Amino acid sequence: MARYTGPTCRLCRREGQKLYLKGDKCFTDKCPVSKRNYAPGQHGNSRKKLTEYGLQLREKQKVRRYYGIQESQMFKYYNMADKMKGITGENLLKILESRLDNVVYRMGFGSSRAEARQLVTHGHFTVNGKKVNIPSYLTNPGDIIEVKASSKNSERFKEIVENHRGTTVKWIEVTPDELKGKIVSEPSREEIDIPIQEHLIVELYSK
């Protein structure tokens, strides 16, 4: 299935909450979710009680939209998580958090995961000194993620240094002035701040 290219804010309205897909716009009064907190479409404002399957599906779709991944990727990550030791749902979220595009976003080098994914795709980042342009690349504790030398003087990255807000997670150490960060540990479930009931996704896929 092709990647969604329609209006991004419709995705947030469909889930009934902010997914922070548009960066800074999500924190302003211009956010459509603040104005129209109901699903898009002709019947979006009608109240419908979801079935058990509907609740599970919405959680899965919500996670896909948060991280900007396709269904085939989501199912692959679930299978990986299911084979790992520990709680499958938590393992799934840890895998998603370790994606390079998400790490770049968590480091504060992208205003949204979509921008971070674009910056990675354009080849602006290195992992342990080697250029990586694959957003789905899975990072590990000890990895050093850095903007490559030839990109550091670009206007976009100068702006990022000037306006850097810092990282909100403890499992990444960031040095904004050097446009560099290090993954110091795996993220714990408590540090993954997205409002997700991951057990519903596990129930959906395990049927």
N, C-alpha and C. Protein backbone atom coordinates (compact mmCIF):
# COMPACT_ATOMS: atom_id res chain seq x y z
N MET A 1 0.84 -1.19 0.00
CA MET A 1 0.00 0.00 0.00
C MET A 1 0.88 1.24 0.00
N ALA A 2 0.51 2.26 -0.81
CA ALA A 2 1.30 3.47 -0.93
C ALA A 2 1.16 4.32 0.33
N ARG A 3 2.17 5.15 0.58
CA ARG A 3 2.12 6.02 1.75
C ARG A 3 1.03 7.06 1.58
N TYR A 4 0.36 7.40 2.67
CA TYR A 4 -0.71 8.40 2.65
C TYR A 4 -0.12 9.76 2.31
N THR A 5 -0.75 10.46 1.35
CA THR A 5 -0.26 11.77 0.93
C THR A 5 -1.33 12.84 1.03
N GLY A 6 -2.45 12.53 1.68
CA GLY A 6 -3.52 13.50 1.83
C GLY A 6 -3.24 14.49 2.95
N PRO A 7 -4.25 15.30 3.32
CA PRO A 7 -4.09 16.28 4.39
C PRO A 7 -3.73 15.60 5.72
N THR A 8 -2.62 15.99 6.29
CA THR A 8 -2.12 15.34 7.50
C THR A 8 -3.07 15.50 8.68
N CYS A 9 -3.67 16.67 8.81
CA CYS A 9 -4.52 16.94 9.97
C CYS A 9 -5.78 16.08 9.98
N ARG A 10 -6.17 15.54 8.84
CA ARG A 10 -7.32 14.64 8.81
C ARG A 10 -7.03 13.37 9.62
N LEU A 11 -5.77 12.96 9.64
CA LEU A 11 -5.39 11.76 10.39
C LEU A 11 -5.60 11.98 11.88
N CYS A 12 -5.22 13.17 12.36
CA CYS A 12 -5.42 13.48 13.79
C CYS A 12 -6.91 13.54 14.10
N ARG A 13 -7.67 14.16 13.23
CA ARG A 13 -9.11 14.27 13.47
C ARG A 13 -9.76 12.90 13.45
N ARG A 14 -9.27 12.00 12.60
CA ARG A 14 -9.85 10.65 12.55
C ARG A 14 -9.64 9.91 13.86
N GLU A 15 -8.50 10.16 14.52
CA GLU A 15 -8.22 9.49 15.78
C GLU A 15 -8.76 10.26 16.98
N GLY A 16 -9.25 11.47 16.74
CA GLY A 16 -9.86 12.24 17.81
C GLY A 16 -8.88 12.84 18.79
N GLN A 17 -7.62 12.96 18.40
CA GLN A 17 -6.61 13.57 19.28
C GLN A 17 -5.41 14.02 18.46
N LYS A 18 -4.60 14.88 19.06
CA LYS A 18 -3.41 15.36 18.37
C LYS A 18 -2.37 14.26 18.29
N LEU A 19 -1.86 14.03 17.08
CA LEU A 19 -0.76 13.07 16.90
C LEU A 19 0.55 13.81 16.65
N TYR A 20 0.50 15.13 16.65
CA TYR A 20 1.69 15.98 16.47
C TYR A 20 2.44 15.64 15.20
N LEU A 21 1.67 15.61 14.10
CA LEU A 21 2.24 15.26 12.80
C LEU A 21 2.70 16.49 12.01
N LYS A 22 2.29 17.70 12.46
CA LYS A 22 2.62 18.91 11.71
C LYS A 22 3.61 19.81 12.45
N GLY A 23 4.29 19.27 13.43
CA GLY A 23 5.31 20.06 14.12
C GLY A 23 4.72 21.21 14.92
N ASP A 24 5.27 22.41 14.72
CA ASP A 24 4.90 23.57 15.53
C ASP A 24 3.43 23.94 15.39
N LYS A 25 2.82 23.66 14.27
CA LYS A 25 1.41 24.01 14.05
C LYS A 25 0.52 23.34 15.08
N CYS A 26 0.91 22.16 15.54
CA CYS A 26 0.10 21.40 16.50
C CYS A 26 -0.01 22.10 17.84
N PHE A 27 0.90 23.04 18.13
CA PHE A 27 0.90 23.73 19.41
C PHE A 27 0.24 25.11 19.33
N THR A 28 -0.41 25.41 18.18
CA THR A 28 -1.05 26.71 18.00
C THR A 28 -2.56 26.55 17.89
N ASP A 29 -3.25 27.68 17.85
CA ASP A 29 -4.71 27.68 17.71
C ASP A 29 -5.14 27.30 16.29
N LYS A 30 -4.18 27.20 15.38
CA LYS A 30 -4.51 26.83 14.01
C LYS A 30 -4.71 25.33 13.83
N CYS A 31 -4.42 24.56 14.86
CA CYS A 31 -4.56 23.11 14.79
C CYS A 31 -6.03 22.75 14.57
N PRO A 32 -6.37 22.05 13.48
CA PRO A 32 -7.76 21.69 13.20
C PRO A 32 -8.41 20.83 14.29
N VAL A 33 -7.61 20.06 15.02
CA VAL A 33 -8.18 19.22 16.08
C VAL A 33 -8.78 20.09 17.18
N SER A 34 -8.18 21.24 17.43
CA SER A 34 -8.69 22.15 18.45
C SER A 34 -10.01 22.77 18.02
N LYS A 35 -10.15 22.98 16.71
CA LYS A 35 -11.36 23.61 16.18
C LYS A 35 -12.47 22.60 15.92
N ARG A 36 -12.09 21.43 15.39
CA ARG A 36 -13.10 20.43 15.01
C ARG A 36 -12.66 19.06 15.54
N ASN A 37 -12.94 18.83 16.79
CA ASN A 37 -12.49 17.60 17.43
C ASN A 37 -13.47 16.45 17.17
N TYR A 38 -13.65 16.16 15.89
CA TYR A 38 -14.46 15.03 15.48
C TYR A 38 -13.93 14.52 14.15
N ALA A 39 -14.30 13.31 13.80
CA ALA A 39 -13.76 12.68 12.60
C ALA A 39 -14.17 13.45 11.34
N PRO A 40 -13.32 13.46 10.30
CA PRO A 40 -13.66 14.14 9.07
C PRO A 40 -14.75 13.39 8.31
N GLY A 41 -15.35 14.06 7.34
CA GLY A 41 -16.37 13.41 6.52
C GLY A 41 -17.78 13.83 6.92
N GLN A 42 -18.74 13.44 6.10
CA GLN A 42 -20.13 13.84 6.27
C GLN A 42 -20.72 13.40 7.61
N HIS A 43 -20.35 12.21 8.05
CA HIS A 43 -20.91 11.66 9.28
C HIS A 43 -19.91 11.67 10.44
N GLY A 44 -18.88 12.47 10.30
CA GLY A 44 -17.82 12.47 11.30
C GLY A 44 -18.25 12.94 12.67
N ASN A 45 -19.29 13.78 12.72
CA ASN A 45 -19.72 14.35 13.99
C ASN A 45 -20.72 13.47 14.74
N SER A 46 -21.11 12.35 14.13
CA SER A 46 -22.04 11.44 14.79
C SER A 46 -21.29 10.55 15.77
N ARG A 47 -21.90 10.25 16.88
CA ARG A 47 -21.27 9.44 17.91
C ARG A 47 -21.57 7.96 17.66
N LYS A 48 -20.54 7.17 17.58
CA LYS A 48 -20.72 5.73 17.36
C LYS A 48 -19.90 4.97 18.41
N LYS A 49 -20.52 3.96 19.00
CA LYS A 49 -19.81 3.15 19.96
C LYS A 49 -19.01 2.09 19.22
N LEU A 50 -17.71 2.05 19.49
CA LEU A 50 -16.83 1.11 18.79
C LEU A 50 -16.96 -0.29 19.37
N THR A 51 -16.86 -1.27 18.50
CA THR A 51 -16.81 -2.67 18.94
C THR A 51 -15.42 -2.96 19.50
N GLU A 52 -15.24 -4.14 20.06
CA GLU A 52 -13.92 -4.53 20.57
C GLU A 52 -12.89 -4.50 19.44
N TYR A 53 -13.28 -5.04 18.28
CA TYR A 53 -12.38 -5.01 17.13
C TYR A 53 -12.09 -3.58 16.70
N GLY A 54 -13.11 -2.72 16.74
CA GLY A 54 -12.92 -1.33 16.35
C GLY A 54 -11.92 -0.61 17.24
N LEU A 55 -11.98 -0.88 18.55
CA LEU A 55 -11.03 -0.28 19.48
C LEU A 55 -9.60 -0.74 19.19
N GLN A 56 -9.45 -2.03 18.92
CA GLN A 56 -8.14 -2.58 18.61
C GLN A 56 -7.59 -1.99 17.32
N LEU A 57 -8.45 -1.87 16.32
CA LEU A 57 -8.03 -1.32 15.03
C LEU A 57 -7.61 0.14 15.16
N ARG A 58 -8.36 0.92 15.93
CA ARG A 58 -8.03 2.33 16.10
C ARG A 58 -6.68 2.51 16.79
N GLU A 59 -6.38 1.67 17.79
CA GLU A 59 -5.08 1.77 18.45
C GLU A 59 -3.95 1.46 17.49
N LYS A 60 -4.16 0.43 16.67
CA LYS A 60 -3.13 0.06 15.69
C LYS A 60 -2.92 1.17 14.67
N GLN A 61 -4.01 1.74 14.18
CA GLN A 61 -3.91 2.82 13.20
C GLN A 61 -3.26 4.06 13.82
N LYS A 62 -3.57 4.30 15.09
CA LYS A 62 -3.00 5.45 15.78
C LYS A 62 -1.47 5.34 15.85
N VAL A 63 -0.98 4.15 16.20
CA VAL A 63 0.47 3.93 16.28
C VAL A 63 1.10 4.08 14.90
N ARG A 64 0.47 3.52 13.89
CA ARG A 64 1.00 3.64 12.52
C ARG A 64 1.14 5.10 12.13
N ARG A 65 0.16 5.91 12.50
CA ARG A 65 0.17 7.31 12.11
C ARG A 65 1.16 8.12 12.95
N TYR A 66 1.29 7.79 14.20
CA TYR A 66 2.31 8.44 15.03
C TYR A 66 3.69 8.29 14.40
N TYR A 67 4.04 7.06 14.01
CA TYR A 67 5.39 6.78 13.54
C TYR A 67 5.53 6.82 12.01
N GLY A 68 4.41 7.02 11.31
CA GLY A 68 4.48 7.16 9.85
C GLY A 68 4.91 5.90 9.14
N ILE A 69 4.37 4.75 9.57
CA ILE A 69 4.76 3.49 8.95
C ILE A 69 3.59 2.83 8.26
N GLN A 70 3.89 1.94 7.34
CA GLN A 70 2.86 1.23 6.60
C GLN A 70 2.49 -0.07 7.30
N GLU A 71 1.40 -0.67 6.87
CA GLU A 71 0.89 -1.87 7.52
C GLU A 71 1.89 -3.02 7.48
N SER A 72 2.57 -3.20 6.36
CA SER A 72 3.54 -4.30 6.25
C SER A 72 4.67 -4.13 7.25
N GLN A 73 5.11 -2.88 7.47
CA GLN A 73 6.16 -2.61 8.46
C GLN A 73 5.65 -2.88 9.86
N MET A 74 4.42 -2.46 10.12
CA MET A 74 3.83 -2.65 11.44
C MET A 74 3.75 -4.13 11.79
N PHE A 75 3.31 -4.94 10.84
CA PHE A 75 3.18 -6.37 11.09
C PHE A 75 4.56 -7.02 11.29
N LYS A 76 5.54 -6.54 10.54
CA LYS A 76 6.91 -7.06 10.70
C LYS A 76 7.44 -6.74 12.09
N TYR A 77 7.21 -5.52 12.57
CA TYR A 77 7.67 -5.14 13.91
C TYR A 77 6.95 -5.95 14.98
N TYR A 78 5.67 -6.22 14.77
CA TYR A 78 4.93 -7.03 15.74
C TYR A 78 5.55 -8.43 15.84
N ASN A 79 5.87 -9.03 14.70
CA ASN A 79 6.48 -10.36 14.72
C ASN A 79 7.83 -10.34 15.42
N MET A 80 8.61 -9.27 15.20
CA MET A 80 9.89 -9.13 15.89
C MET A 80 9.66 -9.04 17.40
N ALA A 81 8.69 -8.22 17.81
CA ALA A 81 8.41 -8.01 19.22
C ALA A 81 7.92 -9.29 19.89
N ASP A 82 7.15 -10.07 19.15
CA ASP A 82 6.57 -11.30 19.69
C ASP A 82 7.65 -12.35 19.97
N LYS A 83 8.76 -12.28 19.24
CA LYS A 83 9.84 -13.26 19.41
C LYS A 83 10.85 -12.83 20.47
N MET A 84 10.75 -11.60 20.92
CA MET A 84 11.67 -11.08 21.93
C MET A 84 11.20 -11.47 23.33
N LYS A 85 12.13 -11.46 24.28
CA LYS A 85 11.77 -11.70 25.67
C LYS A 85 11.04 -10.48 26.21
N GLY A 86 10.13 -10.71 27.15
CA GLY A 86 9.42 -9.59 27.75
C GLY A 86 8.00 -9.47 27.24
N ILE A 87 7.40 -8.30 27.47
CA ILE A 87 6.01 -8.05 27.10
C ILE A 87 5.96 -7.60 25.64
N THR A 88 5.18 -8.29 24.83
CA THR A 88 5.16 -8.04 23.39
C THR A 88 4.80 -6.60 23.06
N GLY A 89 3.78 -6.05 23.70
CA GLY A 89 3.36 -4.68 23.41
C GLY A 89 4.44 -3.67 23.69
N GLU A 90 5.12 -3.82 24.83
CA GLU A 90 6.20 -2.90 25.18
C GLU A 90 7.38 -3.08 24.22
N ASN A 91 7.67 -4.32 23.86
CA ASN A 91 8.74 -4.57 22.89
C ASN A 91 8.45 -3.86 21.57
N LEU A 92 7.18 -3.90 21.14
CA LEU A 92 6.79 -3.26 19.89
C LEU A 92 7.06 -1.77 19.92
N LEU A 93 6.68 -1.12 21.02
CA LEU A 93 6.91 0.33 21.12
C LEU A 93 8.39 0.66 21.18
N LYS A 94 9.18 -0.18 21.84
CA LYS A 94 10.63 0.05 21.90
C LYS A 94 11.26 -0.06 20.52
N ILE A 95 10.79 -1.00 19.71
CA ILE A 95 11.30 -1.14 18.34
C ILE A 95 10.97 0.11 17.54
N LEU A 96 9.74 0.58 17.65
CA LEU A 96 9.32 1.77 16.91
C LEU A 96 10.12 3.00 17.34
N GLU A 97 10.38 3.10 18.65
CA GLU A 97 11.15 4.24 19.15
C GLU A 97 12.59 4.21 18.66
N SER A 98 13.12 3.02 18.37
CA SER A 98 14.52 2.91 17.96
C SER A 98 14.74 3.18 16.47
N ARG A 99 13.67 3.40 15.72
CA ARG A 99 13.82 3.77 14.31
C ARG A 99 14.62 5.07 14.21
N LEU A 100 15.47 5.17 13.20
CA LEU A 100 16.34 6.34 13.07
C LEU A 100 15.55 7.63 12.93
N ASP A 101 14.46 7.61 12.14
CA ASP A 101 13.70 8.85 11.97
C ASP A 101 13.09 9.31 13.29
N ASN A 102 12.64 8.36 14.12
CA ASN A 102 12.09 8.73 15.42
C ASN A 102 13.19 9.24 16.35
N VAL A 103 14.37 8.62 16.30
CA VAL A 103 15.49 9.06 17.14
C VAL A 103 15.88 10.49 16.79
N VAL A 104 15.94 10.79 15.50
CA VAL A 104 16.26 12.16 15.05
C VAL A 104 15.21 13.14 15.57
N TYR A 105 13.95 12.74 15.52
CA TYR A 105 12.87 13.58 16.05
C TYR A 105 13.02 13.77 17.56
N ARG A 106 13.30 12.68 18.27
CA ARG A 106 13.45 12.75 19.72
C ARG A 106 14.65 13.61 20.11
N MET A 107 15.66 13.66 19.26
CA MET A 107 16.84 14.49 19.52
C MET A 107 16.54 15.97 19.33
N GLY A 108 15.40 16.28 18.74
CA GLY A 108 15.03 17.68 18.51
C GLY A 108 15.56 18.22 17.20
N PHE A 109 15.97 17.33 16.29
CA PHE A 109 16.53 17.76 15.01
C PHE A 109 15.49 17.75 13.89
N GLY A 110 14.23 17.59 14.25
CA GLY A 110 13.13 17.66 13.30
C GLY A 110 11.90 18.11 14.05
N SER A 111 11.10 19.00 13.47
CA SER A 111 9.92 19.51 14.16
C SER A 111 8.81 18.47 14.24
N SER A 112 8.90 17.45 13.39
CA SER A 112 7.94 16.35 13.40
C SER A 112 8.66 15.10 12.92
N ARG A 113 8.03 13.96 13.10
CA ARG A 113 8.65 12.73 12.61
C ARG A 113 8.73 12.73 11.08
N ALA A 114 7.76 13.38 10.45
CA ALA A 114 7.77 13.46 8.99
C ALA A 114 8.98 14.25 8.49
N GLU A 115 9.28 15.38 9.16
CA GLU A 115 10.45 16.16 8.75
C GLU A 115 11.73 15.38 9.04
N ALA A 116 11.78 14.71 10.20
CA ALA A 116 12.95 13.91 10.54
C ALA A 116 13.17 12.81 9.50
N ARG A 117 12.08 12.18 9.08
CA ARG A 117 12.18 11.12 8.07
C ARG A 117 12.73 11.68 6.75
N GLN A 118 12.28 12.88 6.38
CA GLN A 118 12.76 13.50 5.15
C GLN A 118 14.25 13.83 5.24
N LEU A 119 14.68 14.35 6.39
CA LEU A 119 16.08 14.70 6.56
C LEU A 119 16.97 13.46 6.49
N VAL A 120 16.49 12.36 7.08
CA VAL A 120 17.25 11.10 7.01
C VAL A 120 17.32 10.60 5.57
N THR A 121 16.18 10.63 4.89
CA THR A 121 16.12 10.14 3.50
C THR A 121 17.06 10.93 2.59
N HIS A 122 17.22 12.22 2.87
CA HIS A 122 18.10 13.06 2.06
C HIS A 122 19.57 12.91 2.41
N GLY A 123 19.86 12.01 3.35
CA GLY A 123 21.25 11.66 3.63
C GLY A 123 22.01 12.62 4.51
N HIS A 124 21.30 13.31 5.42
CA HIS A 124 21.96 14.30 6.27
C HIS A 124 22.57 13.72 7.54
N PHE A 125 22.33 12.43 7.83
CA PHE A 125 22.76 11.87 9.11
C PHE A 125 23.70 10.69 8.95
N THR A 126 24.55 10.54 9.97
CA THR A 126 25.43 9.37 10.05
C THR A 126 25.15 8.63 11.35
N VAL A 127 25.38 7.34 11.33
CA VAL A 127 25.28 6.51 12.53
C VAL A 127 26.64 5.85 12.71
N ASN A 128 27.28 6.18 13.82
CA ASN A 128 28.63 5.68 14.09
C ASN A 128 29.60 6.00 12.96
N GLY A 129 29.43 7.20 12.39
CA GLY A 129 30.35 7.67 11.35
C GLY A 129 30.00 7.26 9.93
N LYS A 130 28.98 6.43 9.74
CA LYS A 130 28.60 5.98 8.40
C LYS A 130 27.25 6.58 8.01
N LYS A 131 27.16 7.10 6.80
CA LYS A 131 25.92 7.71 6.35
C LYS A 131 24.82 6.67 6.26
N VAL A 132 23.67 7.01 6.83
CA VAL A 132 22.50 6.13 6.76
C VAL A 132 21.33 6.97 6.27
N ASN A 133 20.71 6.56 5.17
CA ASN A 133 19.57 7.31 4.64
C ASN A 133 18.29 6.46 4.62
N ILE A 134 18.23 5.52 5.55
CA ILE A 134 17.06 4.64 5.67
C ILE A 134 16.33 4.98 6.97
N PRO A 135 15.15 5.62 6.90
CA PRO A 135 14.44 6.03 8.11
C PRO A 135 14.11 4.88 9.04
N SER A 136 13.90 3.68 8.50
CA SER A 136 13.52 2.53 9.32
C SER A 136 14.72 1.83 9.96
N TYR A 137 15.92 2.34 9.75
CA TYR A 137 17.12 1.75 10.35
C TYR A 137 16.94 1.70 11.87
N LEU A 138 17.16 0.53 12.46
CA LEU A 138 16.97 0.37 13.90
C LEU A 138 18.28 0.62 14.64
N THR A 139 18.26 1.61 15.51
CA THR A 139 19.44 1.97 16.28
C THR A 139 19.53 1.13 17.56
N ASN A 140 20.69 1.18 18.20
CA ASN A 140 20.95 0.41 19.42
C ASN A 140 21.65 1.28 20.45
N PRO A 141 21.56 0.91 21.74
CA PRO A 141 22.31 1.65 22.76
C PRO A 141 23.80 1.70 22.41
N GLY A 142 24.40 2.87 22.57
CA GLY A 142 25.80 3.06 22.21
C GLY A 142 25.98 3.72 20.87
N ASP A 143 24.96 3.70 20.01
CA ASP A 143 25.06 4.32 18.69
C ASP A 143 25.15 5.84 18.82
N ILE A 144 25.97 6.44 17.96
CA ILE A 144 26.11 7.89 17.91
C ILE A 144 25.51 8.39 16.60
N ILE A 145 24.53 9.25 16.71
CA ILE A 145 23.84 9.80 15.54
C ILE A 145 24.27 11.26 15.41
N GLU A 146 24.70 11.62 14.22
CA GLU A 146 25.25 12.97 14.01
C GLU A 146 24.90 13.47 12.62
N VAL A 147 24.69 14.78 12.53
CA VAL A 147 24.51 15.40 11.21
C VAL A 147 25.85 15.37 10.50
N LYS A 148 25.87 14.92 9.26
CA LYS A 148 27.16 14.81 8.57
C LYS A 148 27.77 16.19 8.36
N ALA A 149 29.09 16.21 8.28
CA ALA A 149 29.85 17.46 8.27
C ALA A 149 29.41 18.42 7.17
N SER A 150 29.13 17.89 5.98
CA SER A 150 28.77 18.76 4.85
C SER A 150 27.39 19.39 4.99
N SER A 151 26.59 18.90 5.94
CA SER A 151 25.23 19.43 6.13
C SER A 151 25.14 20.41 7.29
N LYS A 152 26.14 20.42 8.16
CA LYS A 152 26.05 21.22 9.39
C LYS A 152 25.95 22.71 9.14
N ASN A 153 26.46 23.18 8.00
CA ASN A 153 26.43 24.62 7.71
C ASN A 153 25.21 25.04 6.91
N SER A 154 24.29 24.11 6.67
CA SER A 154 23.09 24.46 5.92
C SER A 154 22.19 25.34 6.79
N GLU A 155 21.37 26.16 6.15
CA GLU A 155 20.50 27.08 6.88
C GLU A 155 19.54 26.33 7.80
N ARG A 156 19.05 25.17 7.34
CA ARG A 156 18.09 24.43 8.16
C ARG A 156 18.71 23.97 9.47
N PHE A 157 19.93 23.47 9.42
CA PHE A 157 20.55 22.97 10.64
C PHE A 157 21.07 24.10 11.53
N LYS A 158 21.42 25.25 10.94
CA LYS A 158 21.75 26.41 11.75
C LYS A 158 20.53 26.85 12.54
N GLU A 159 19.37 26.79 11.88
CA GLU A 159 18.11 27.15 12.54
C GLU A 159 17.79 26.17 13.66
N ILE A 160 18.07 24.88 13.42
CA ILE A 160 17.82 23.86 14.44
C ILE A 160 18.66 24.10 15.69
N VAL A 161 19.94 24.47 15.50
CA VAL A 161 20.82 24.76 16.64
C VAL A 161 20.30 25.95 17.43
N GLU A 162 19.87 27.01 16.71
CA GLU A 162 19.40 28.24 17.37
C GLU A 162 18.12 28.01 18.16
N ASN A 163 17.24 27.16 17.63
CA ASN A 163 15.92 26.98 18.25
C ASN A 163 15.76 25.63 18.95
N HIS A 164 16.86 24.96 19.21
CA HIS A 164 16.77 23.62 19.78
C HIS A 164 16.09 23.64 21.14
N ARG A 165 15.09 22.77 21.30
CA ARG A 165 14.30 22.74 22.53
C ARG A 165 14.77 21.64 23.49
N GLY A 166 15.74 20.88 23.07
CA GLY A 166 16.21 19.79 23.92
C GLY A 166 15.37 18.54 23.72
N THR A 167 15.87 17.44 24.23
CA THR A 167 15.14 16.18 24.12
C THR A 167 14.31 15.94 25.37
N THR A 168 13.18 15.31 25.20
CA THR A 168 12.28 15.04 26.32
C THR A 168 12.48 13.63 26.85
N VAL A 169 13.45 12.90 26.32
CA VAL A 169 13.66 11.52 26.75
C VAL A 169 15.05 11.38 27.38
N LYS A 170 15.14 10.50 28.37
CA LYS A 170 16.39 10.33 29.10
C LYS A 170 17.32 9.32 28.45
N TRP A 171 16.79 8.55 27.48
CA TRP A 171 17.62 7.50 26.89
C TRP A 171 18.49 8.00 25.74
N ILE A 172 18.41 9.31 25.45
CA ILE A 172 19.28 9.91 24.42
C ILE A 172 19.98 11.12 25.01
N GLU A 173 21.29 11.18 24.85
CA GLU A 173 22.07 12.36 25.23
C GLU A 173 22.34 13.17 23.97
N VAL A 174 22.03 14.45 24.02
CA VAL A 174 22.16 15.30 22.83
C VAL A 174 23.12 16.45 23.10
N THR A 175 23.97 16.72 22.12
CA THR A 175 24.85 17.89 22.13
C THR A 175 24.43 18.77 20.96
N PRO A 176 23.49 19.71 21.19
CA PRO A 176 22.92 20.49 20.09
C PRO A 176 23.96 21.26 19.28
N ASP A 177 24.93 21.87 19.95
CA ASP A 177 25.93 22.68 19.25
C ASP A 177 26.72 21.86 18.24
N GLU A 178 26.87 20.57 18.52
CA GLU A 178 27.61 19.70 17.61
C GLU A 178 26.67 18.90 16.70
N LEU A 179 25.35 19.13 16.85
CA LEU A 179 24.34 18.40 16.09
C LEU A 179 24.59 16.89 16.17
N LYS A 180 24.65 16.44 17.41
CA LYS A 180 25.10 15.08 17.67
C LYS A 180 24.35 14.52 18.88
N GLY A 181 24.13 13.22 18.88
CA GLY A 181 23.48 12.58 20.00
C GLY A 181 23.92 11.14 20.15
N LYS A 182 23.74 10.63 21.36
CA LYS A 182 24.12 9.24 21.64
C LYS A 182 22.98 8.53 22.35
N ILE A 183 22.69 7.31 21.93
CA ILE A 183 21.67 6.50 22.59
C ILE A 183 22.34 5.81 23.77
N VAL A 184 21.91 6.15 24.97
CA VAL A 184 22.58 5.63 26.17
C VAL A 184 21.90 4.38 26.73
N SER A 185 20.65 4.14 26.34
CA SER A 185 19.94 2.95 26.83
C SER A 185 18.71 2.70 25.98
N GLU A 186 18.08 1.56 26.20
CA GLU A 186 16.79 1.31 25.56
C GLU A 186 15.73 2.17 26.24
N PRO A 187 14.72 2.62 25.50
CA PRO A 187 13.65 3.38 26.16
C PRO A 187 12.80 2.46 27.03
N SER A 188 12.44 2.93 28.20
CA SER A 188 11.52 2.17 29.04
C SER A 188 10.10 2.54 28.65
N ARG A 189 9.15 1.73 29.04
CA ARG A 189 7.75 2.04 28.69
C ARG A 189 7.32 3.37 29.28
N GLU A 190 7.80 3.69 30.47
CA GLU A 190 7.42 4.94 31.12
C GLU A 190 7.93 6.16 30.36
N GLU A 191 8.99 5.97 29.57
CA GLU A 191 9.58 7.10 28.83
C GLU A 191 8.95 7.28 27.46
N ILE A 192 8.09 6.36 27.06
CA ILE A 192 7.42 6.49 25.76
C ILE A 192 6.10 7.19 26.02
N ASP A 193 6.04 8.46 25.64
CA ASP A 193 4.96 9.33 26.10
C ASP A 193 3.72 9.35 25.22
N ILE A 194 3.64 8.53 24.20
CA ILE A 194 2.45 8.56 23.36
C ILE A 194 1.33 7.79 24.05
N PRO A 195 0.09 8.32 24.02
CA PRO A 195 -1.04 7.69 24.72
C PRO A 195 -1.58 6.48 23.96
N ILE A 196 -0.95 5.35 24.15
CA ILE A 196 -1.30 4.14 23.41
C ILE A 196 -1.59 2.99 24.39
N GLN A 197 -2.62 2.22 24.11
CA GLN A 197 -2.88 0.98 24.84
C GLN A 197 -2.38 -0.17 23.97
N GLU A 198 -1.10 -0.46 24.11
CA GLU A 198 -0.46 -1.41 23.20
C GLU A 198 -1.01 -2.82 23.29
N HIS A 199 -1.62 -3.16 24.43
CA HIS A 199 -2.18 -4.51 24.56
C HIS A 199 -3.31 -4.74 23.56
N LEU A 200 -3.99 -3.67 23.15
CA LEU A 200 -5.07 -3.83 22.17
C LEU A 200 -4.50 -4.20 20.80
N ILE A 201 -3.31 -3.70 20.48
CA ILE A 201 -2.67 -4.04 19.20
C ILE A 201 -2.24 -5.49 19.21
N VAL A 202 -1.70 -5.94 20.35
CA VAL A 202 -1.29 -7.33 20.47
C VAL A 202 -2.51 -8.26 20.33
N GLU A 203 -3.61 -7.87 20.94
CA GLU A 203 -4.84 -8.67 20.83
C GLU A 203 -5.32 -8.73 19.39
N LEU A 204 -5.19 -7.64 18.66
CA LEU A 204 -5.62 -7.61 17.26
C LEU A 204 -4.78 -8.55 16.40
N TYR A 205 -3.47 -8.47 16.54
CA TYR A 205 -2.58 -9.27 15.70
C TYR A 205 -2.52 -10.74 16.12
N SER A 206 -2.85 -11.02 17.35
CA SER A 206 -2.74 -12.41 17.83
C SER A 206 -3.99 -13.24 17.57
N LYS A 207 -4.96 -12.67 16.92
CA LYS A 207 -6.20 -13.41 16.64
C LYS A 207 -5.96 -14.48 15.58
